[in-house]
Structures are given as C-alpha cells and as structure tokens.
PDB file of N, CA and C in Angstrom:
ATOM      1  N   MET A   1       0.931  -1.139  -0.084  1.00  0.00           N
ATOM      2  CA  MET A   1      -0.077  -0.010   0.142  1.00  0.00           C
ATOM      3  C   MET A   1       0.908   1.222   0.035  1.00  0.00           C
ATOM      4  N   LEU A   2       2.120   1.317   0.592  1.00  0.00           N
ATOM      5  CA  LEU A   2       2.890   2.460   0.434  1.00  0.00           C
ATOM      6  C   LEU A   2       3.345   2.691  -0.872  1.00  0.00           C
ATOM      7  N   ALA A   3       3.596   1.569  -1.623  1.00  0.00           N
ATOM      8  CA  ALA A   3       3.843   2.019  -3.123  1.00  0.00           C
ATOM      9  C   ALA A   3       2.750   2.675  -3.772  1.00  0.00           C
ATOM     10  N   ALA A   4       1.490   2.157  -3.580  1.00  0.00           N
ATOM     11  CA  ALA A   4       0.050   2.960  -4.134  1.00  0.00           C
ATOM     12  C   ALA A   4       0.182   4.123  -3.693  1.00  0.00           C
ATOM     13  N   ALA A   5       0.427   4.663  -2.398  1.00  0.00           N
ATOM     14  CA  ALA A   5       0.437   5.920  -1.954  1.00  0.00           C
ATOM     15  C   ALA A   5       1.582   7.002  -2.603  1.00  0.00           C
ATOM     16  N   ALA A   6       2.649   6.127  -2.780  1.00  0.00           N
ATOM     17  CA  ALA A   6       3.832   6.907  -3.511  1.00  0.00           C
ATOM     18  C   ALA A   6       3.394   7.170  -4.860  1.00  0.00           C
ATOM     19  N   LEU A   7       2.730   6.090  -5.533  1.00  0.00           N
ATOM     20  CA  LEU A   7       2.143   6.228  -6.853  1.00  0.00           C
ATOM     21  C   LEU A   7       1.173   7.353  -7.137  1.00  0.00           C
ATOM     22  N   THR A   8       0.425   7.451  -6.078  1.00  0.00           N
ATOM     23  CA  THR A   8      -0.488   8.657  -6.175  1.00  0.00           C
ATOM     24  C   THR A   8       0.109  10.026  -6.291  1.00  0.00           C
ATOM     25  N   LEU A   9       1.297  10.184  -5.305  1.00  0.00           N
ATOM     26  CA  LEU A   9       1.967  11.452  -5.627  1.00  0.00           C
ATOM     27  C   LEU A   9       2.562  11.596  -6.729  1.00  0.00           C
ATOM     28  N   ALA A  10       2.985  10.619  -7.356  1.00  0.00           N
ATOM     29  CA  ALA A  10       3.896  10.505  -8.654  1.00  0.00           C
ATOM     30  C   ALA A  10       2.851  11.047  -9.608  1.00  0.00           C
ATOM     31  N   LEU A  11       1.711  10.378  -9.780  1.00  0.00           N
ATOM     32  CA  LEU A  11       0.944  10.874 -10.661  1.00  0.00           C
ATOM     33  C   LEU A  11       0.192  12.251 -10.672  1.00  0.00           C
ATOM     34  N   VAL A  12      -0.023  12.631  -9.265  1.00  0.00           N
ATOM     35  CA  VAL A  12      -0.125  14.223  -9.315  1.00  0.00           C
ATOM     36  C   VAL A  12       0.785  15.030  -9.798  1.00  0.00           C
ATOM     37  N   GLY A  13       1.960  14.777  -9.490  1.00  0.00           N
ATOM     38  CA  GLY A  13       3.223  15.334 -10.049  1.00  0.00           C
ATOM     39  C   GLY A  13       3.549  15.311 -11.463  1.00  0.00           C
ATOM     40  N   LEU A  14       2.911  14.368 -12.085  1.00  0.00           N
ATOM     41  CA  LEU A  14       3.033  14.267 -13.881  1.00  0.00           C
ATOM     42  C   LEU A  14       1.769  14.674 -14.259  1.00  0.00           C
ATOM     43  N   GLY A  15       0.883  15.282 -13.530  1.00  0.00           N
ATOM     44  CA  GLY A  15      -0.244  15.975 -14.069  1.00  0.00           C
ATOM     45  C   GLY A  15      -1.401  15.023 -14.496  1.00  0.00           C
ATOM     46  N   GLU A  16      -1.275  13.677 -13.860  1.00  0.00           N
ATOM     47  CA  GLU A  16      -2.230  12.759 -14.016  1.00  0.00           C
ATOM     48  C   GLU A  16      -3.078  12.592 -12.824  1.00  0.00           C
ATOM     49  N   VAL A  17      -4.093  13.646 -12.823  1.00  0.00           N
ATOM     50  CA  VAL A  17      -4.865  13.922 -11.433  1.00  0.00           C
ATOM     51  C   VAL A  17      -5.941  12.863 -11.319  1.00  0.00           C
ATOM     52  N   GLU A  18      -6.497  12.652 -12.463  1.00  0.00           N
ATOM     53  CA  GLU A  18      -7.730  11.847 -12.060  1.00  0.00           C
ATOM     54  C   GLU A  18      -7.377  10.434 -11.959  1.00  0.00           C
ATOM     55  N   PRO A  19      -6.488   9.738 -12.499  1.00  0.00           N
ATOM     56  CA  PRO A  19      -5.899   8.349 -12.048  1.00  0.00           C
ATOM     57  C   PRO A  19      -5.354   8.308 -10.818  1.00  0.00           C
ATOM     58  N   ALA A  20      -4.845   9.616 -10.253  1.00  0.00           N
ATOM     59  CA  ALA A  20      -4.503   9.983  -9.001  1.00  0.00           C
ATOM     60  C   ALA A  20      -5.423   9.694  -7.893  1.00  0.00           C
ATOM     61  N   ARG A  21      -6.329  10.468  -8.130  1.00  0.00           N
ATOM     62  CA  ARG A  21      -7.563  10.575  -7.602  1.00  0.00           C
ATOM     63  C   ARG A  21      -8.238   9.111  -7.293  1.00  0.00           C
ATOM     64  N   ALA A  22      -8.339   8.223  -8.021  1.00  0.00           N
ATOM     65  CA  ALA A  22      -9.060   6.994  -8.228  1.00  0.00           C
ATOM     66  C   ALA A  22      -8.198   6.087  -7.525  1.00  0.00           C
ATOM     67  N   LEU A  23      -6.654   6.175  -7.672  1.00  0.00           N
ATOM     68  CA  LEU A  23      -5.890   5.234  -6.926  1.00  0.00           C
ATOM     69  C   LEU A  23      -6.010   5.466  -5.466  1.00  0.00           C
ATOM     70  N   GLY A  24      -5.846   6.980  -5.173  1.00  0.00           N
ATOM     71  CA  GLY A  24      -5.882   7.690  -3.779  1.00  0.00           C
ATOM     72  C   GLY A  24      -7.047   7.270  -3.041  1.00  0.00           C
ATOM     73  N   GLU A  25      -8.099   7.165  -3.582  1.00  0.00           N
ATOM     74  CA  GLU A  25      -9.412   6.802  -2.912  1.00  0.00           C
ATOM     75  C   GLU A  25      -9.541   5.505  -2.673  1.00  0.00           C
ATOM     76  N   ASP A  26      -9.100   4.540  -3.440  1.00  0.00           N
ATOM     77  CA  ASP A  26      -9.081   3.052  -3.100  1.00  0.00           C
ATOM     78  C   ASP A  26      -7.986   2.891  -2.377  1.00  0.00           C
ATOM     79  N   THR A  27      -6.871   3.334  -2.268  1.00  0.00           N
ATOM     80  CA  THR A  27      -5.644   3.066  -1.272  1.00  0.00           C
ATOM     81  C   THR A  27      -6.088   3.563   0.034  1.00  0.00           C
ATOM     82  N   LEU A  28      -6.772   4.807   0.099  1.00  0.00           N
ATOM     83  CA  LEU A  28      -7.190   5.242   1.273  1.00  0.00           C
ATOM     84  C   LEU A  28      -8.114   4.357   2.260  1.00  0.00           C
ATOM     85  N   GLN A  29      -9.099   4.025   1.544  1.00  0.00           N
ATOM     86  CA  GLN A  29     -10.113   2.942   2.011  1.00  0.00           C
ATOM     87  C   GLN A  29      -9.384   1.762   2.722  1.00  0.00           C
ATOM     88  N   ARG A  30      -8.571   1.283   1.624  1.00  0.00           N
ATOM     89  CA  ARG A  30      -7.731   0.100   2.019  1.00  0.00           C
ATOM     90  C   ARG A  30      -6.814   0.266   3.133  1.00  0.00           C
ATOM     91  N   CYS A  31      -6.069   1.100   3.232  1.00  0.00           N
ATOM     92  CA  CYS A  31      -5.188   1.473   4.305  1.00  0.00           C
ATOM     93  C   CYS A  31      -6.061   1.915   5.596  1.00  0.00           C
ATOM     94  N   ARG A  32      -6.943   2.657   5.556  1.00  0.00           N
ATOM     95  CA  ARG A  32      -7.766   2.908   6.622  1.00  0.00           C
ATOM     96  C   ARG A  32      -8.424   1.330   7.471  1.00  0.00           C
ATOM     97  N   ARG A  33      -8.863   0.621   6.637  1.00  0.00           N
ATOM     98  CA  ARG A  33      -9.308  -0.758   6.962  1.00  0.00           C
ATOM     99  C   ARG A  33      -8.200  -1.593   7.163  1.00  0.00           C
ATOM    100  N   VAL A  34      -7.065  -1.535   6.936  1.00  0.00           N
ATOM    101  CA  VAL A  34      -6.085  -2.456   7.382  1.00  0.00           C
ATOM    102  C   VAL A  34      -5.200  -1.992   8.710  1.00  0.00           C
ATOM    103  N   PHE A  35      -4.701  -0.614   8.181  1.00  0.00           N
ATOM    104  CA  PHE A  35      -3.786  -0.092   9.225  1.00  0.00           C
ATOM    105  C   PHE A  35      -4.402   0.843  10.256  1.00  0.00           C
ATOM    106  N   GLY A  36      -5.703   1.490   9.769  1.00  0.00           N
ATOM    107  CA  GLY A  36      -6.310   2.353  10.746  1.00  0.00           C
ATOM    108  C   GLY A  36      -5.984   3.772  10.130  1.00  0.00           C
ATOM    109  N   PRO A  37      -6.868   4.508  10.761  1.00  0.00           N
ATOM    110  CA  PRO A  37      -6.799   6.073  10.234  1.00  0.00           C
ATOM    111  C   PRO A  37      -5.609   6.860  10.650  1.00  0.00           C
ATOM    112  N   ASP A  38      -4.793   6.237  11.444  1.00  0.00           N
ATOM    113  CA  ASP A  38      -3.770   7.165  12.010  1.00  0.00           C
ATOM    114  C   ASP A  38      -2.256   6.739  11.605  1.00  0.00           C
ATOM    115  N   HIS A  39      -2.283   5.520  10.963  1.00  0.00           N
ATOM    116  CA  HIS A  39      -1.015   5.112  10.548  1.00  0.00           C
ATOM    117  C   HIS A  39      -0.276   5.868   9.361  1.00  0.00           C
ATOM    118  N   THR A  40       1.082   5.854   9.554  1.00  0.00           N
ATOM    119  CA  THR A  40       1.875   6.722   8.517  1.00  0.00           C
ATOM    120  C   THR A  40       1.371   6.343   7.131  1.00  0.00           C
ATOM    121  N   THR A  41       1.259   5.278   6.763  1.00  0.00           N
ATOM    122  CA  THR A  41       0.995   4.991   5.532  1.00  0.00           C
ATOM    123  C   THR A  41      -0.498   5.563   5.036  1.00  0.00           C
ATOM    124  N   THR A  42      -1.366   5.305   6.036  1.00  0.00           N
ATOM    125  CA  THR A  42      -2.797   5.940   5.635  1.00  0.00           C
ATOM    126  C   THR A  42      -2.490   7.717   5.539  1.00  0.00           C
ATOM    127  N   LEU A  43      -1.745   8.238   6.232  1.00  0.00           N
ATOM    128  CA  LEU A  43      -1.486   9.600   6.306  1.00  0.00           C
ATOM    129  C   LEU A  43      -1.036   9.910   5.019  1.00  0.00           C
ATOM    130  N   TRP A  44      -0.108   9.289   4.610  1.00  0.00           N
ATOM    131  CA  TRP A  44       0.628   9.451   3.115  1.00  0.00           C
ATOM    132  C   TRP A  44      -0.350   9.376   2.102  1.00  0.00           C
ATOM    133  N   THR A  45      -1.156   8.387   2.224  1.00  0.00           N
ATOM    134  CA  THR A  45      -2.140   8.138   1.148  1.00  0.00           C
ATOM    135  C   THR A  45      -3.225   9.302   1.014  1.00  0.00           C
ATOM    136  N   ALA A  46      -3.711   9.745   2.205  1.00  0.00           N
ATOM    137  CA  ALA A  46      -4.497  10.945   2.378  1.00  0.00           C
ATOM    138  C   ALA A  46      -3.789  12.107   1.963  1.00  0.00           C
ATOM    139  N   THR A  47      -2.584  12.378   2.028  1.00  0.00           N
ATOM    140  CA  THR A  47      -1.823  13.522   1.509  1.00  0.00           C
ATOM    141  C   THR A  47      -1.895  13.456   0.039  1.00  0.00           C
ATOM    142  N   GLY A  48      -1.650  12.590  -0.508  1.00  0.00           N
ATOM    143  CA  GLY A  48      -1.803  12.129  -2.015  1.00  0.00           C
ATOM    144  C   GLY A  48      -2.994  12.599  -2.612  1.00  0.00           C
ATOM    145  N   LEU A  49      -4.042  11.993  -1.957  1.00  0.00           N
ATOM    146  CA  LEU A  49      -5.299  12.268  -2.384  1.00  0.00           C
ATOM    147  C   LEU A  49      -5.812  13.698  -2.181  1.00  0.00           C
ATOM    148  N   THR A  50      -5.395  14.233  -1.138  1.00  0.00           N
ATOM    149  CA  THR A  50      -5.770  15.661  -0.937  1.00  0.00           C
ATOM    150  C   THR A  50      -5.175  16.369  -2.199  1.00  0.00           C
ATOM    151  N   LEU A  51      -3.861  16.232  -2.349  1.00  0.00           N
ATOM    152  CA  LEU A  51      -3.361  17.082  -3.404  1.00  0.00           C
ATOM    153  C   LEU A  51      -3.926  16.897  -4.810  1.00  0.00           C
ATOM    154  N   ALA A  52      -4.563  15.743  -5.135  1.00  0.00           N
ATOM    155  CA  ALA A  52      -5.088  15.390  -6.338  1.00  0.00           C
ATOM    156  C   ALA A  52      -6.383  16.147  -6.167  1.00  0.00           C
ATOM    157  N   LEU A  53      -6.858  16.150  -5.226  1.00  0.00           N
ATOM    158  CA  LEU A  53      -8.412  17.033  -5.037  1.00  0.00           C
ATOM    159  C   LEU A  53      -8.006  18.302  -5.272  1.00  0.00           C
ATOM    160  N   VAL A  54      -7.127  19.023  -4.791  1.00  0.00           N
ATOM    161  CA  VAL A  54      -6.749  20.405  -5.038  1.00  0.00           C
ATOM    162  C   VAL A  54      -6.394  20.571  -6.243  1.00  0.00           C
ATOM    163  N   ARG A  55      -5.935  19.690  -7.460  1.00  0.00           N
ATOM    164  CA  ARG A  55      -5.475  19.878  -8.637  1.00  0.00           C
ATOM    165  C   ARG A  55      -6.782  19.799  -9.621  1.00  0.00           C
ATOM    166  N   LEU A  56      -7.643  18.797  -8.951  1.00  0.00           N
ATOM    167  CA  LEU A  56      -8.973  18.717  -9.985  1.00  0.00           C
ATOM    168  C   LEU A  56     -10.304  19.884  -9.386  1.00  0.00           C
ATOM    169  N   GLY A  57      -9.704  20.645  -8.385  1.00  0.00           N
ATOM    170  CA  GLY A  57     -10.494  21.795  -8.122  1.00  0.00           C
ATOM    171  C   GLY A  57     -11.801  21.486  -7.115  1.00  0.00           C
ATOM    172  N   GLN A  58     -11.498  20.389  -6.591  1.00  0.00           N
ATOM    173  CA  GLN A  58     -12.499  19.907  -5.702  1.00  0.00           C
ATOM    174  C   GLN A  58     -12.235  20.545  -4.256  1.00  0.00           C
ATOM    175  N   ALA A  59     -12.433  21.861  -3.919  1.00  0.00           N
ATOM    176  CA  ALA A  59     -11.657  22.477  -2.986  1.00  0.00           C
ATOM    177  C   ALA A  59     -12.286  21.883  -1.716  1.00  0.00           C
ATOM    178  N   GLU A  60     -13.761  21.724  -1.681  1.00  0.00           N
ATOM    179  CA  GLU A  60     -14.337  21.347  -0.357  1.00  0.00           C
ATOM    180  C   GLU A  60     -13.785  20.161   0.061  1.00  0.00           C
ATOM    181  N   LEU A  61     -13.876  18.981  -0.761  1.00  0.00           N
ATOM    182  CA  LEU A  61     -13.436  17.712  -0.532  1.00  0.00           C
ATOM    183  C   LEU A  61     -11.867  17.865  -0.126  1.00  0.00           C
ATOM    184  N   ALA A  62     -11.128  18.695  -0.615  1.00  0.00           N
ATOM    185  CA  ALA A  62      -9.482  18.697  -0.402  1.00  0.00           C
ATOM    186  C   ALA A  62      -9.554  19.235   0.997  1.00  0.00           C
ATOM    187  N   ARG A  63     -10.156  20.314   1.314  1.00  0.00           N
ATOM    188  CA  ARG A  63     -10.022  20.999   2.459  1.00  0.00           C
ATOM    189  C   ARG A  63     -10.516  20.344   3.714  1.00  0.00           C
ATOM    190  N   ALA A  64     -11.776  19.385   3.505  1.00  0.00           N
ATOM    191  CA  ALA A  64     -11.852  18.573   4.530  1.00  0.00           C
ATOM    192  C   ALA A  64     -10.863  17.428   4.739  1.00  0.00           C
ATOM    193  N   LEU A  65     -10.566  17.001   3.878  1.00  0.00           N
ATOM    194  CA  LEU A  65      -9.495  15.698   3.989  1.00  0.00           C
ATOM    195  C   LEU A  65      -8.050  16.188   4.498  1.00  0.00           C
ATOM    196  N   GLY A  66      -7.649  17.231   3.974  1.00  0.00           N
ATOM    197  CA  GLY A  66      -6.552  18.125   4.259  1.00  0.00           C
ATOM    198  C   GLY A  66      -6.483  18.430   5.648  1.00  0.00           C
ATOM    199  N   GLN A  67      -7.470  18.950   6.391  1.00  0.00           N
ATOM    200  CA  GLN A  67      -7.617  19.542   7.676  1.00  0.00           C
ATOM    201  C   GLN A  67      -7.633  18.207   8.597  1.00  0.00           C
ATOM    202  N   ASP A  68      -8.333  17.207   8.195  1.00  0.00           N
ATOM    203  CA  ASP A  68      -8.493  15.948   9.070  1.00  0.00           C
ATOM    204  C   ASP A  68      -7.148  15.300   9.312  1.00  0.00           C
ATOM    205  N   THR A  69      -6.326  15.273   7.910  1.00  0.00           N
ATOM    206  CA  THR A  69      -5.352  14.473   7.908  1.00  0.00           C
ATOM    207  C   THR A  69      -4.341  15.356   8.567  1.00  0.00           C
ATOM    208  N   LEU A  70      -4.311  16.695   8.440  1.00  0.00           N
ATOM    209  CA  LEU A  70      -3.229  17.227   9.283  1.00  0.00           C
ATOM    210  C   LEU A  70      -3.513  17.267  10.865  1.00  0.00           C
ATOM    211  N   GLN A  71      -4.890  17.148  11.247  1.00  0.00           N
ATOM    212  CA  GLN A  71      -4.870  17.133  12.805  1.00  0.00           C
ATOM    213  C   GLN A  71      -4.353  15.719  13.240  1.00  0.00           C
ATOM    214  N   ARG A  72      -4.700  14.735  12.290  1.00  0.00           N
ATOM    215  CA  ARG A  72      -4.175  13.401  12.675  1.00  0.00           C
ATOM    216  C   ARG A  72      -2.583  13.458  12.580  1.00  0.00           C
ATOM    217  N   CYS A  73      -1.881  13.949  11.843  1.00  0.00           N
ATOM    218  CA  CYS A  73      -0.584  13.987  11.814  1.00  0.00           C
ATOM    219  C   CYS A  73       0.126  14.699  12.906  1.00  0.00           C
ATOM    220  N   ARG A  74      -0.736  15.749  13.281  1.00  0.00           N
ATOM    221  CA  ARG A  74      -0.151  16.616  14.441  1.00  0.00           C
ATOM    222  C   ARG A  74      -0.005  15.785  15.691  1.00  0.00           C
ATOM    223  N   ARG A  75      -1.309  14.922  15.554  1.00  0.00           N
ATOM    224  CA  ARG A  75      -1.499  14.229  16.920  1.00  0.00           C
ATOM    225  C   ARG A  75      -0.514  13.048  16.989  1.00  0.00           C
ATOM    226  N   MET A  76      -0.104  12.269  15.988  1.00  0.00           N
ATOM    227  CA  MET A  76       0.533  11.200  15.884  1.00  0.00           C
ATOM    228  C   MET A  76       2.050  11.300  15.733  1.00  0.00           C
ATOM    229  N   LEU A  77       2.397  12.531  14.876  1.00  0.00           N
ATOM    230  CA  LEU A  77       3.718  12.471  14.347  1.00  0.00           C
ATOM    231  C   LEU A  77       4.450  13.751  15.072  1.00  0.00           C
ATOM    232  N   ARG A  78       5.885  13.691  14.893  1.00  0.00           N
ATOM    233  CA  ARG A  78       6.715  14.948  15.645  1.00  0.00           C
ATOM    234  C   ARG A  78       6.416  16.075  14.669  1.00  0.00           C
ATOM    235  N   PRO A  79       6.550  17.346  15.107  1.00  0.00           N
ATOM    236  CA  PRO A  79       6.074  18.522  14.421  1.00  0.00           C
ATOM    237  C   PRO A  79       6.674  18.814  13.066  1.00  0.00           C
ATOM    238  N   ASN A  80       7.945  18.308  12.851  1.00  0.00           N
ATOM    239  CA  ASN A  80       8.588  18.334  11.653  1.00  0.00           C
ATOM    240  C   ASN A  80       8.755  17.289  10.765  1.00  0.00           C
ATOM    241  N   HIS A  81       7.641  16.332  10.934  1.00  0.00           N
ATOM    242  CA  HIS A  81       7.845  15.139  10.202  1.00  0.00           C
ATOM    243  C   HIS A  81       7.412  15.657   8.777  1.00  0.00           C
ATOM    244  N   ALA A  82       7.970  14.608   7.789  1.00  0.00           N
ATOM    245  CA  ALA A  82       7.985  14.984   6.245  1.00  0.00           C
ATOM    246  C   ALA A  82       6.521  14.872   5.784  1.00  0.00           C
ATOM    247  N   ILE A  83       5.459  14.377   6.354  1.00  0.00           N
ATOM    248  CA  ILE A  83       4.197  14.331   6.006  1.00  0.00           C
ATOM    249  C   ILE A  83       3.560  15.434   6.461  1.00  0.00           C
ATOM    250  N   ILE A  84       3.741  16.054   7.605  1.00  0.00           N
ATOM    251  CA  ILE A  84       3.136  17.444   7.886  1.00  0.00           C
ATOM    252  C   ILE A  84       3.640  18.317   7.001  1.00  0.00           C
ATOM    253  N   LEU A  85       4.994  18.472   6.961  1.00  0.00           N
ATOM    254  CA  LEU A  85       5.693  19.594   5.859  1.00  0.00           C
ATOM    255  C   LEU A  85       4.926  19.272   4.515  1.00  0.00           C
ATOM    256  N   TYR A  86       4.831  18.156   4.056  1.00  0.00           N
ATOM    257  CA  TYR A  86       4.565  18.047   2.638  1.00  0.00           C
ATOM    258  C   TYR A  86       3.050  18.488   2.679  1.00  0.00           C
ATOM    259  N   LEU A  87       2.307  17.895   3.565  1.00  0.00           N
ATOM    260  CA  LEU A  87       0.583  18.106   3.545  1.00  0.00           C
ATOM    261  C   LEU A  87       0.673  19.780   3.447  1.00  0.00           C
ATOM    262  N   THR A  88       1.077  20.408   4.500  1.00  0.00           N
ATOM    263  CA  THR A  88       1.111  21.751   4.795  1.00  0.00           C
ATOM    264  C   THR A  88       1.224  22.643   3.591  1.00  0.00           C
ATOM    265  N   ARG A  89       2.261  22.140   2.813  1.00  0.00           N
ATOM    266  CA  ARG A  89       2.770  22.842   1.475  1.00  0.00           C
ATOM    267  C   ARG A  89       1.837  22.415   0.448  1.00  0.00           C
ATOM    268  N   ALA A  90       1.597  21.309   0.326  1.00  0.00           N
ATOM    269  CA  ALA A  90       0.766  21.021  -0.678  1.00  0.00           C
ATOM    270  C   ALA A  90      -0.950  21.539  -0.768  1.00  0.00           C
ATOM    271  N   VAL A  91      -1.154  21.790   0.351  1.00  0.00           N
ATOM    272  CA  VAL A  91      -2.680  22.265   0.424  1.00  0.00           C
ATOM    273  C   VAL A  91      -2.522  23.760   0.192  1.00  0.00           C
ATOM    274  N   SER A  92      -1.450  24.347   0.737  1.00  0.00           N
ATOM    275  CA  SER A  92      -1.195  25.854   0.696  1.00  0.00           C
ATOM    276  C   SER A  92      -1.130  26.106  -0.831  1.00  0.00           C
ATOM    277  N   ILE A  93      -0.328  25.222  -1.693  1.00  0.00           N
ATOM    278  CA  ILE A  93      -0.336  25.537  -2.981  1.00  0.00           C
ATOM    279  C   ILE A  93      -1.572  25.861  -3.879  1.00  0.00           C
ATOM    280  N   GLY A  94      -2.543  24.852  -3.117  1.00  0.00           N
ATOM    281  CA  GLY A  94      -3.823  25.023  -3.971  1.00  0.00           C
ATOM    282  C   GLY A  94      -4.514  26.321  -3.698  1.00  0.00           C
ATOM    283  N   HIS A  95      -4.167  26.999  -2.851  1.00  0.00           N
ATOM    284  CA  HIS A  95      -4.676  28.370  -2.775  1.00  0.00           C
ATOM    285  C   HIS A  95      -6.437  28.240  -2.294  1.00  0.00           C
ATOM    286  N   LEU A  96      -6.446  27.227  -1.501  1.00  0.00           N
ATOM    287  CA  LEU A  96      -8.110  26.918  -0.995  1.00  0.00           C
ATOM    288  C   LEU A  96      -8.473  27.973  -0.003  1.00  0.00           C
ATOM    289  N   PRO A  97      -9.439  28.620  -0.111  1.00  0.00           N
ATOM    290  CA  PRO A  97     -10.190  29.559   0.843  1.00  0.00           C
ATOM    291  C   PRO A  97     -10.203  28.898   2.171  1.00  0.00           C
ATOM    292  N   GLY A  98     -10.212  29.404   3.397  1.00  0.00           N
ATOM    293  CA  GLY A  98     -10.169  28.968   4.563  1.00  0.00           C
ATOM    294  C   GLY A  98      -9.151  27.898   4.978  1.00  0.00           C
ATOM    295  N   ASP A  99      -7.984  27.913   4.065  1.00  0.00           N
ATOM    296  CA  ASP A  99      -6.894  26.985   4.523  1.00  0.00           C
ATOM    297  C   ASP A  99      -5.883  27.737   5.546  1.00  0.00           C
ATOM    298  N   ASP A 100      -6.273  29.033   5.930  1.00  0.00           N
ATOM    299  CA  ASP A 100      -5.409  29.614   6.750  1.00  0.00           C
ATOM    300  C   ASP A 100      -5.169  28.677   8.249  1.00  0.00           C
ATOM    301  N   ALA A 101      -5.957  28.033   8.531  1.00  0.00           N
ATOM    302  CA  ALA A 101      -6.250  26.995   9.616  1.00  0.00           C
ATOM    303  C   ALA A 101      -4.971  26.235   9.478  1.00  0.00           C
ATOM    304  N   LEU A 102      -4.573  25.806   8.277  1.00  0.00           N
ATOM    305  CA  LEU A 102      -3.606  24.745   8.032  1.00  0.00           C
ATOM    306  C   LEU A 102      -2.333  25.280   8.441  1.00  0.00           C
ATOM    307  N   GLY A 103      -2.113  26.634   7.856  1.00  0.00           N
ATOM    308  CA  GLY A 103      -0.686  27.332   8.260  1.00  0.00           C
ATOM    309  C   GLY A 103       0.426  26.776   7.383  1.00  0.00           C
ATOM    310  N   ASP A 104       1.260  27.504   7.059  1.00  0.00           N
ATOM    311  CA  ASP A 104       2.283  27.132   6.031  1.00  0.00           C
ATOM    312  C   ASP A 104       3.542  27.467   6.814  1.00  0.00           C
ATOM    313  N   ARG A 105       4.506  26.321   7.157  1.00  0.00           N
ATOM    314  CA  ARG A 105       5.702  26.426   7.879  1.00  0.00           C
ATOM    315  C   ARG A 105       6.881  26.885   6.899  1.00  0.00           C
ATOM    316  N   GLY A 106       6.544  27.269   5.820  1.00  0.00           N
ATOM    317  CA  GLY A 106       7.712  27.715   4.942  1.00  0.00           C
ATOM    318  C   GLY A 106       8.319  26.400   4.434  1.00  0.00           C
ATOM    319  N   SER A 107       7.704  25.247   4.412  1.00  0.00           N
ATOM    320  CA  SER A 107       8.207  23.988   3.861  1.00  0.00           C
ATOM    321  C   SER A 107       8.210  24.037   2.343  1.00  0.00           C
ATOM    322  N   ARG A 108       9.096  22.869   2.022  1.00  0.00           N
ATOM    323  CA  ARG A 108       9.180  22.770   0.468  1.00  0.00           C
ATOM    324  C   ARG A 108       8.494  21.217   0.277  1.00  0.00           C
ATOM    325  N   PRO A 109       7.646  21.240  -0.906  1.00  0.00           N
ATOM    326  CA  PRO A 109       7.281  19.829  -1.273  1.00  0.00           C
ATOM    327  C   PRO A 109       8.662  18.610  -1.274  1.00  0.00           C
ATOM    328  N   LEU A 110       8.469  17.569  -0.968  1.00  0.00           N
ATOM    329  CA  LEU A 110       9.686  16.659  -1.123  1.00  0.00           C
ATOM    330  C   LEU A 110       9.775  15.951  -2.362  1.00  0.00           C
TER     331      LEU A 110
END
C-alpha cells in the first residue's frame, strides 16, 4: 500500500490527477481498513489524495480531507515530520479559501 501511496503522489506530479484521485481513494479506503486512520501509510495516502483533489478543483473535499489528515498528523507525528511539511505545503499551493487554519511553515514539497 505504501507503493500505491507513492504512486498517487507521482501521478499528481505528472499531471495525471484523475488516475491519482481514483488510486488515492481506493488506497485510502484499504489503508484505513488494514492499518487504521492514524497509520503513517494511511496519512501519506490521504496527503496524495488531498493534493489530487486540489489539482482537480474539488476545494471542499480537499479542505476537509487535508484538515482531518493534518490534525491526525499533528497528534501522531513529530512537528517537523515529512508528512506534515508536505501536506501543509501541498494544500497551501492549492490556494484553498479557508486554509489559513492549516498554516504554512515555509516548507518545500519533498
């Protein structure tokens, strides 16, 4: 499942956002079922799906998933963990209204 999470992010990077969304949704469901919602692989998958949703212009879905994922990350991981830095940056790139709550720590995408 970690490979599918990485592929989701790679597809977004290549501009293949619809396949990334489909893969991300499927992988996120599987990760939640197998690992639980707070597992690192689940959080990476949710990050990739959030970025795909941003690129597809699905602001409400991206915001909801991004905020939930960031809250889980902050609860489960150290403050400068790569997932937190990547998610914060990825969502801020999308310029979603109301994302001020996510905050940008000046990080760069991995």
